[in-house]
Protein backbone atom coordinates (compact mmCIF):
# COMPACT_ATOMS: atom_id res chain seq x y z
CA MET A 1 1.91 30.72 8.06
CA ALA A 2 0.60 28.07 10.45
CA GLU A 3 -1.86 26.85 7.80
CA MET A 4 0.99 26.52 5.28
CA GLU A 5 3.08 24.58 7.81
CA ARG A 6 0.18 22.22 8.58
CA ALA A 7 -0.54 21.68 4.89
CA THR A 8 3.14 20.92 4.22
CA ALA A 9 3.35 18.45 7.09
CA ASP A 10 0.12 16.80 5.92
CA LEU A 11 1.41 16.71 2.34
CA LEU A 12 4.46 14.81 3.59
CA ARG A 13 2.22 12.40 5.50
CA LEU A 14 0.20 11.70 2.35
CA ALA A 15 3.39 11.28 0.35
CA PHE A 16 4.77 8.71 2.80
CA VAL A 17 1.54 6.71 2.68
CA GLU A 18 1.44 6.78 -1.12
CA ILE A 19 5.10 5.83 -1.45
CA ARG A 20 4.57 2.94 0.97
CA PHE A 21 1.60 1.75 -1.10
CA LEU A 22 3.49 2.05 -4.38
CA THR A 23 6.53 0.17 -3.12
CA GLU A 24 4.85 -2.64 -1.20
CA ASP A 25 5.42 -6.19 -2.34
CA ARG A 26 2.48 -7.37 -4.38
CA GLN A 27 1.12 -10.85 -3.85
CA GLU A 28 -0.60 -11.00 -7.23
CA ASP A 29 1.35 -11.32 -10.42
CA GLN A 30 2.53 -7.96 -11.61
CA SER A 31 4.25 -7.29 -14.88
CA PRO A 32 7.75 -5.85 -14.78
CA GLU A 33 6.40 -2.81 -16.64
CA ALA A 34 3.74 -2.17 -13.99
CA ALA A 35 6.31 -2.54 -11.21
CA ALA A 36 8.63 -0.10 -12.99
CA ARG A 37 5.80 2.45 -13.38
CA ARG A 38 4.95 2.19 -9.68
CA ARG A 39 8.60 2.62 -8.72
CA LYS A 40 8.95 5.61 -11.06
CA HIS A 41 5.85 7.24 -9.54
CA ALA A 42 7.15 6.63 -6.00
CA ASN A 43 10.47 8.21 -6.96
CA ALA A 44 8.68 11.23 -8.44
CA ILE A 45 6.77 11.77 -5.18
CA ALA A 46 10.01 11.48 -3.21
CA ASP A 47 11.61 14.05 -5.54
CA ILE A 48 8.69 16.44 -5.07
CA CYS A 49 8.91 16.26 -1.28
CA HIS A 50 12.67 15.97 -0.90
CA ASN A 51 13.29 19.47 0.51
CA LEU A 52 10.05 19.92 2.44
CA PRO A 53 11.15 18.41 5.77
CA GLY A 54 14.05 20.83 5.95
CA LEU A 55 11.75 23.76 5.30
CA LEU A 56 9.70 22.77 8.34
CA ALA A 57 12.74 22.97 10.61
CA PRO A 58 12.32 25.72 13.21
CA GLY A 59 15.18 27.82 11.84
CA ARG A 60 13.94 27.64 8.26
CA ARG A 61 10.17 27.94 8.50
CA ASP A 62 10.37 31.57 7.46
CA ARG A 63 11.54 30.26 4.05
CA LEU A 64 8.64 27.84 3.58
CA ALA A 65 6.68 30.06 1.18
CA ASP A 66 9.79 30.61 -0.94
CA GLY A 67 10.48 26.87 -0.89
CA LEU A 68 6.95 26.05 -2.00
CA TRP A 69 7.21 28.70 -4.71
CA TYR A 70 10.43 27.12 -5.97
CA LEU A 71 8.88 23.65 -5.81
CA TRP A 72 5.87 24.83 -7.82
CA SER A 73 7.85 26.84 -10.36
CA THR A 74 10.19 23.93 -11.15
CA ALA A 75 7.54 21.19 -11.19
CA ASN A 76 6.38 19.66 -14.45
CA ALA A 77 2.68 19.20 -15.22
CA ALA A 78 2.44 15.74 -13.63
CA ARG A 79 4.06 16.92 -10.41
CA ARG A 80 1.82 19.98 -10.31
CA ARG A 81 -1.23 17.73 -10.68
CA TRP A 82 -0.01 15.62 -7.77
CA LEU A 83 0.53 18.70 -5.62
CA VAL A 84 -2.81 20.30 -6.44
CA GLY A 85 -4.67 17.01 -5.99
CA ASN A 86 -3.21 16.55 -2.53
CA TRP A 87 -3.62 20.18 -1.52
CA ASP A 88 -7.25 20.01 -2.63
CA HIS A 89 -7.68 16.80 -0.60
CA LEU A 90 -6.27 18.66 2.41
CA ALA A 91 -8.52 21.68 1.71
CA TYR A 92 -5.43 23.89 1.57
CA ASP A 93 -5.95 27.19 -0.24
CA HIS A 94 -3.07 27.04 -2.72
CA ARG A 95 -4.35 29.81 -4.99
CA TRP A 96 -1.55 32.13 -3.83
CA LEU A 97 0.76 29.74 -5.62
CA THR A 98 -1.23 28.12 -8.40
CA ALA A 99 -3.50 30.85 -9.74
CA PRO A 100 -1.97 33.04 -12.43
CA THR A 101 -1.98 36.75 -11.77
CA PRO A 102 -3.24 38.67 -14.82
CA GLY A 103 -0.44 40.56 -16.52
CA ASP A 104 2.18 39.19 -14.14
CA ASP A 105 4.17 35.97 -14.17
CA THR A 106 4.73 35.98 -10.42
CA ARG A 107 2.50 34.72 -7.65
CA HIS A 108 1.58 36.47 -4.45
CA ARG A 109 2.84 34.90 -1.27
CA PRO A 110 0.47 34.71 1.67
């Protein structure tokens, strides 16, 4: 459980850094379309991580695995790629969540 908590806190840290980068004022000329894409991507990251801080609260940490399961099961392909890419960067073993179980549509919680 401690590893999952650390990975979630680190995922939030990476999300904040990426959102800050995506929303910074650019000095170079940037097309309105490029700015809109960056803003849309920042909003998607915020949507992915919206409920994670609450799941790290002391009284709710026992629900973290269920919260991550819900996050994963409701995420579209792009959001799943973002999650897996960041979990891989953090060297977090997310197979309990991301690897299909043969003959079963559920995942095994750690």
